[in-house]
């Protein structure tokens, strides 16, 4: 049984540029806006972007690193907010 080879995924240049900056959500938004919005839904745009990333591991690695960095920043903000709220609560009790 012969496996079919699929043609490479082509994305708009703006979407590729967004991915090279590590901006997966922005790339999905661009794909949706440049394709026919009646036929390209969120799931299809996400699938196209993910297929492109699967074909370009160096870009995918950069996107993952950027997303991990963003998550780390969010965790820091949450921890700082929790500590601040705790300190305020302690001072308000006295």
N, C-alpha and C. Protein backbone atom coordinates (compact mmCIF):
# COMPACT_ATOMS: atom_id res chain seq x y z
N UNK A 1 0.84 -1.17 0.00
CA UNK A 1 0.00 0.00 0.00
C UNK A 1 0.89 1.24 0.00
N UNK A 2 0.62 2.16 -0.93
CA UNK A 2 1.43 3.34 -1.09
C UNK A 2 0.81 4.52 -0.34
N UNK A 3 1.62 5.21 0.46
CA UNK A 3 1.13 6.38 1.18
C UNK A 3 1.14 7.58 0.26
N UNK A 4 0.09 8.38 0.36
CA UNK A 4 0.02 9.60 -0.42
C UNK A 4 0.89 10.65 0.22
N UNK A 5 1.56 11.42 -0.62
CA UNK A 5 2.29 12.56 -0.08
C UNK A 5 1.44 13.79 -0.32
N UNK A 6 1.23 14.52 0.73
CA UNK A 6 0.40 15.71 0.65
C UNK A 6 1.25 16.89 0.21
N UNK A 7 0.64 17.81 -0.53
CA UNK A 7 1.39 19.00 -0.91
C UNK A 7 1.71 19.83 0.32
N UNK A 8 2.79 20.60 0.27
CA UNK A 8 3.12 21.42 1.44
C UNK A 8 2.03 22.45 1.72
N UNK A 9 1.87 22.75 2.99
CA UNK A 9 0.87 23.74 3.40
C UNK A 9 1.43 25.12 3.08
N UNK A 10 0.60 25.92 2.42
CA UNK A 10 1.00 27.29 2.10
C UNK A 10 0.12 28.24 2.90
N UNK A 11 0.78 29.16 3.57
CA UNK A 11 0.08 30.17 4.36
C UNK A 11 0.40 31.54 3.78
N UNK A 12 -0.46 32.52 4.04
CA UNK A 12 -0.13 33.89 3.62
C UNK A 12 1.19 34.32 4.27
N UNK A 13 1.95 35.15 3.56
CA UNK A 13 3.24 35.60 4.07
C UNK A 13 3.12 36.28 5.43
N UNK A 14 2.03 37.00 5.65
CA UNK A 14 1.82 37.65 6.95
C UNK A 14 1.70 36.62 8.06
N UNK A 15 1.02 35.51 7.77
CA UNK A 15 0.86 34.46 8.78
C UNK A 15 2.20 33.79 9.07
N UNK A 16 3.00 33.56 8.03
CA UNK A 16 4.33 32.97 8.24
C UNK A 16 5.20 33.92 9.06
N UNK A 17 5.12 35.22 8.78
CA UNK A 17 5.88 36.20 9.55
C UNK A 17 5.45 36.18 11.01
N UNK A 18 4.15 36.08 11.27
CA UNK A 18 3.66 36.02 12.64
C UNK A 18 4.19 34.77 13.34
N UNK A 19 4.20 33.65 12.64
CA UNK A 19 4.73 32.42 13.24
C UNK A 19 6.21 32.55 13.54
N UNK A 20 6.95 33.18 12.66
CA UNK A 20 8.39 33.36 12.88
C UNK A 20 8.65 34.27 14.08
N UNK A 21 7.66 35.07 14.45
CA UNK A 21 7.76 35.89 15.67
C UNK A 21 7.23 35.13 16.89
N UNK A 22 6.70 33.91 16.66
CA UNK A 22 6.19 33.10 17.76
C UNK A 22 4.73 33.37 18.07
N UNK A 23 4.00 33.98 17.15
CA UNK A 23 2.62 34.41 17.41
C UNK A 23 1.63 33.48 16.70
N UNK A 24 1.36 32.33 17.29
CA UNK A 24 0.47 31.34 16.67
C UNK A 24 -0.96 31.88 16.53
N UNK A 25 -1.50 32.50 17.56
CA UNK A 25 -2.89 32.99 17.50
C UNK A 25 -3.03 34.06 16.43
N UNK A 26 -2.05 34.94 16.33
CA UNK A 26 -2.06 35.97 15.29
C UNK A 26 -2.04 35.34 13.90
N UNK A 27 -1.24 34.29 13.73
CA UNK A 27 -1.18 33.59 12.44
C UNK A 27 -2.53 32.97 12.09
N UNK A 28 -3.20 32.39 13.07
CA UNK A 28 -4.53 31.82 12.83
C UNK A 28 -5.51 32.91 12.42
N UNK A 29 -5.45 34.06 13.10
CA UNK A 29 -6.33 35.18 12.76
C UNK A 29 -6.08 35.65 11.32
N UNK A 30 -4.82 35.72 10.93
CA UNK A 30 -4.48 36.15 9.58
C UNK A 30 -4.99 35.14 8.56
N UNK A 31 -4.82 33.87 8.83
CA UNK A 31 -5.31 32.84 7.90
C UNK A 31 -6.82 32.97 7.73
N UNK A 32 -7.53 33.15 8.83
CA UNK A 32 -8.98 33.31 8.75
C UNK A 32 -9.36 34.54 7.95
N UNK A 33 -8.65 35.64 8.13
CA UNK A 33 -9.03 36.89 7.47
C UNK A 33 -8.65 36.91 6.00
N UNK A 34 -7.64 36.13 5.59
CA UNK A 34 -7.23 36.15 4.19
C UNK A 34 -7.92 35.08 3.36
N UNK A 35 -8.47 34.08 4.00
CA UNK A 35 -9.26 33.07 3.29
C UNK A 35 -10.72 33.50 3.32
N UNK A 36 -11.52 32.80 2.57
CA UNK A 36 -12.96 33.08 2.56
C UNK A 36 -13.50 32.77 3.95
N UNK A 37 -13.96 33.81 4.65
CA UNK A 37 -14.42 33.64 6.03
C UNK A 37 -15.63 32.72 6.14
N UNK A 38 -16.37 32.53 5.05
CA UNK A 38 -17.53 31.64 5.09
C UNK A 38 -17.11 30.18 5.05
N UNK A 39 -15.92 29.91 4.51
CA UNK A 39 -15.49 28.51 4.40
C UNK A 39 -14.34 28.17 5.33
N UNK A 40 -13.58 29.15 5.77
CA UNK A 40 -12.44 28.89 6.65
C UNK A 40 -12.80 29.29 8.06
N UNK A 41 -13.18 28.30 8.83
CA UNK A 41 -13.52 28.56 10.22
C UNK A 41 -12.29 28.49 11.10
N UNK A 42 -12.51 28.69 12.37
CA UNK A 42 -11.42 28.68 13.33
C UNK A 42 -10.68 27.34 13.34
N UNK A 43 -11.42 26.24 13.35
CA UNK A 43 -10.78 24.92 13.39
C UNK A 43 -9.94 24.66 12.14
N UNK A 44 -10.45 25.06 10.98
CA UNK A 44 -9.69 24.84 9.75
C UNK A 44 -8.44 25.71 9.72
N UNK A 45 -8.57 26.97 10.14
CA UNK A 45 -7.41 27.86 10.17
C UNK A 45 -6.36 27.32 11.15
N UNK A 46 -6.80 26.86 12.31
CA UNK A 46 -5.88 26.29 13.29
C UNK A 46 -5.21 25.04 12.72
N UNK A 47 -5.96 24.22 12.02
CA UNK A 47 -5.38 23.01 11.41
C UNK A 47 -4.34 23.36 10.36
N UNK A 48 -4.60 24.39 9.56
CA UNK A 48 -3.63 24.82 8.54
C UNK A 48 -2.35 25.31 9.19
N UNK A 49 -2.48 26.12 10.24
CA UNK A 49 -1.31 26.65 10.94
C UNK A 49 -0.53 25.50 11.59
N UNK A 50 -1.23 24.57 12.24
CA UNK A 50 -0.56 23.45 12.88
C UNK A 50 0.12 22.53 11.86
N UNK A 51 -0.49 22.36 10.70
CA UNK A 51 0.13 21.56 9.64
C UNK A 51 1.40 22.24 9.14
N UNK A 52 1.34 23.56 8.99
CA UNK A 52 2.53 24.31 8.58
C UNK A 52 3.64 24.13 9.62
N UNK A 53 3.29 24.24 10.89
CA UNK A 53 4.29 24.07 11.95
C UNK A 53 4.88 22.66 11.95
N UNK A 54 4.07 21.67 11.65
CA UNK A 54 4.57 20.29 11.60
C UNK A 54 5.59 20.14 10.47
N UNK A 55 5.43 20.90 9.40
CA UNK A 55 6.36 20.83 8.27
C UNK A 55 7.62 21.67 8.50
N UNK A 56 7.56 22.59 9.46
CA UNK A 56 8.68 23.50 9.72
C UNK A 56 9.05 23.45 11.20
N UNK A 57 9.81 22.42 11.59
CA UNK A 57 10.11 22.22 13.01
C UNK A 57 10.87 23.39 13.65
N UNK A 58 11.70 24.10 12.87
CA UNK A 58 12.44 25.23 13.47
C UNK A 58 11.49 26.36 13.85
N UNK A 59 10.47 26.59 13.05
CA UNK A 59 9.47 27.61 13.38
C UNK A 59 8.62 27.14 14.56
N UNK A 60 8.26 25.85 14.55
CA UNK A 60 7.45 25.28 15.63
C UNK A 60 8.18 25.40 16.96
N UNK A 61 9.49 25.14 16.96
CA UNK A 61 10.28 25.25 18.19
C UNK A 61 10.25 26.69 18.71
N UNK A 62 10.38 27.64 17.80
CA UNK A 62 10.36 29.05 18.21
C UNK A 62 8.99 29.43 18.79
N UNK A 63 7.91 28.95 18.18
CA UNK A 63 6.55 29.23 18.67
C UNK A 63 6.38 28.63 20.07
N UNK A 64 6.83 27.40 20.27
CA UNK A 64 6.71 26.76 21.58
C UNK A 64 7.50 27.52 22.64
N UNK A 65 8.71 27.98 22.29
CA UNK A 65 9.51 28.75 23.24
C UNK A 65 8.81 30.06 23.62
N UNK A 66 8.24 30.73 22.63
CA UNK A 66 7.54 32.00 22.90
C UNK A 66 6.32 31.76 23.79
N UNK A 67 5.57 30.70 23.50
CA UNK A 67 4.39 30.39 24.31
C UNK A 67 4.78 30.02 25.73
N UNK A 68 5.88 29.28 25.90
CA UNK A 68 6.35 28.92 27.25
C UNK A 68 6.77 30.17 28.01
N UNK A 69 7.42 31.08 27.34
CA UNK A 69 7.83 32.34 27.98
C UNK A 69 6.61 33.14 28.41
N UNK A 70 5.59 33.18 27.56
CA UNK A 70 4.35 33.90 27.90
C UNK A 70 3.66 33.28 29.10
N UNK A 71 3.61 31.94 29.14
CA UNK A 71 2.99 31.26 30.29
C UNK A 71 3.76 31.56 31.57
N UNK A 72 5.08 31.58 31.48
CA UNK A 72 5.89 31.87 32.67
C UNK A 72 5.61 33.28 33.18
N UNK A 73 5.45 34.23 32.27
CA UNK A 73 5.11 35.59 32.67
C UNK A 73 3.76 35.66 33.34
N UNK A 74 2.80 34.92 32.82
CA UNK A 74 1.46 34.89 33.40
C UNK A 74 1.49 34.30 34.81
N UNK A 75 2.26 33.25 34.99
CA UNK A 75 2.38 32.63 36.32
C UNK A 75 2.98 33.63 37.30
N UNK A 76 4.00 34.37 36.87
CA UNK A 76 4.60 35.38 37.75
C UNK A 76 3.58 36.42 38.16
N UNK A 77 2.76 36.87 37.21
CA UNK A 77 1.74 37.87 37.52
C UNK A 77 0.74 37.33 38.53
N UNK A 78 0.32 36.08 38.36
CA UNK A 78 -0.65 35.47 39.27
C UNK A 78 -0.05 35.35 40.67
N UNK A 79 1.21 34.93 40.76
CA UNK A 79 1.86 34.79 42.07
C UNK A 79 1.99 36.15 42.74
N UNK A 80 2.40 37.16 42.00
CA UNK A 80 2.54 38.50 42.57
C UNK A 80 1.18 39.01 43.05
N UNK A 81 0.13 38.79 42.26
CA UNK A 81 -1.21 39.23 42.66
C UNK A 81 -1.67 38.52 43.93
N UNK A 82 -1.39 37.21 44.03
CA UNK A 82 -1.80 36.45 45.21
C UNK A 82 -1.05 36.93 46.46
N UNK A 83 0.24 37.17 46.32
CA UNK A 83 1.03 37.65 47.46
C UNK A 83 0.55 39.04 47.88
N UNK A 84 0.32 39.90 46.91
CA UNK A 84 -0.16 41.25 47.21
C UNK A 84 -1.51 41.21 47.91
N UNK A 85 -2.41 40.37 47.41
CA UNK A 85 -3.73 40.24 48.03
C UNK A 85 -3.60 39.73 49.47
N UNK A 86 -2.70 38.80 49.69
CA UNK A 86 -2.49 38.27 51.05
C UNK A 86 -1.97 39.35 51.99
N UNK A 87 -1.02 40.15 51.51
CA UNK A 87 -0.46 41.22 52.34
C UNK A 87 -1.54 42.26 52.66
N UNK A 88 -2.32 42.63 51.67
CA UNK A 88 -3.40 43.60 51.90
C UNK A 88 -4.41 43.04 52.90
N UNK A 89 -4.74 41.76 52.77
CA UNK A 89 -5.70 41.15 53.70
C UNK A 89 -5.17 41.15 55.12
N UNK A 90 -3.88 40.91 55.28
CA UNK A 90 -3.27 40.92 56.62
C UNK A 90 -3.33 42.30 57.22
N UNK A 91 -3.01 43.32 56.45
CA UNK A 91 -3.04 44.69 56.97
C UNK A 91 -4.44 45.17 57.24
N UNK A 92 -5.41 44.72 56.47
CA UNK A 92 -6.80 45.15 56.70
C UNK A 92 -7.40 44.52 57.94
N UNK A 93 -6.89 43.38 58.37
CA UNK A 93 -7.40 42.71 59.58
C UNK A 93 -6.94 43.44 60.83
N UNK A 94 -5.85 44.15 60.78
CA UNK A 94 -5.31 44.82 61.97
C UNK A 94 -5.81 46.19 62.10
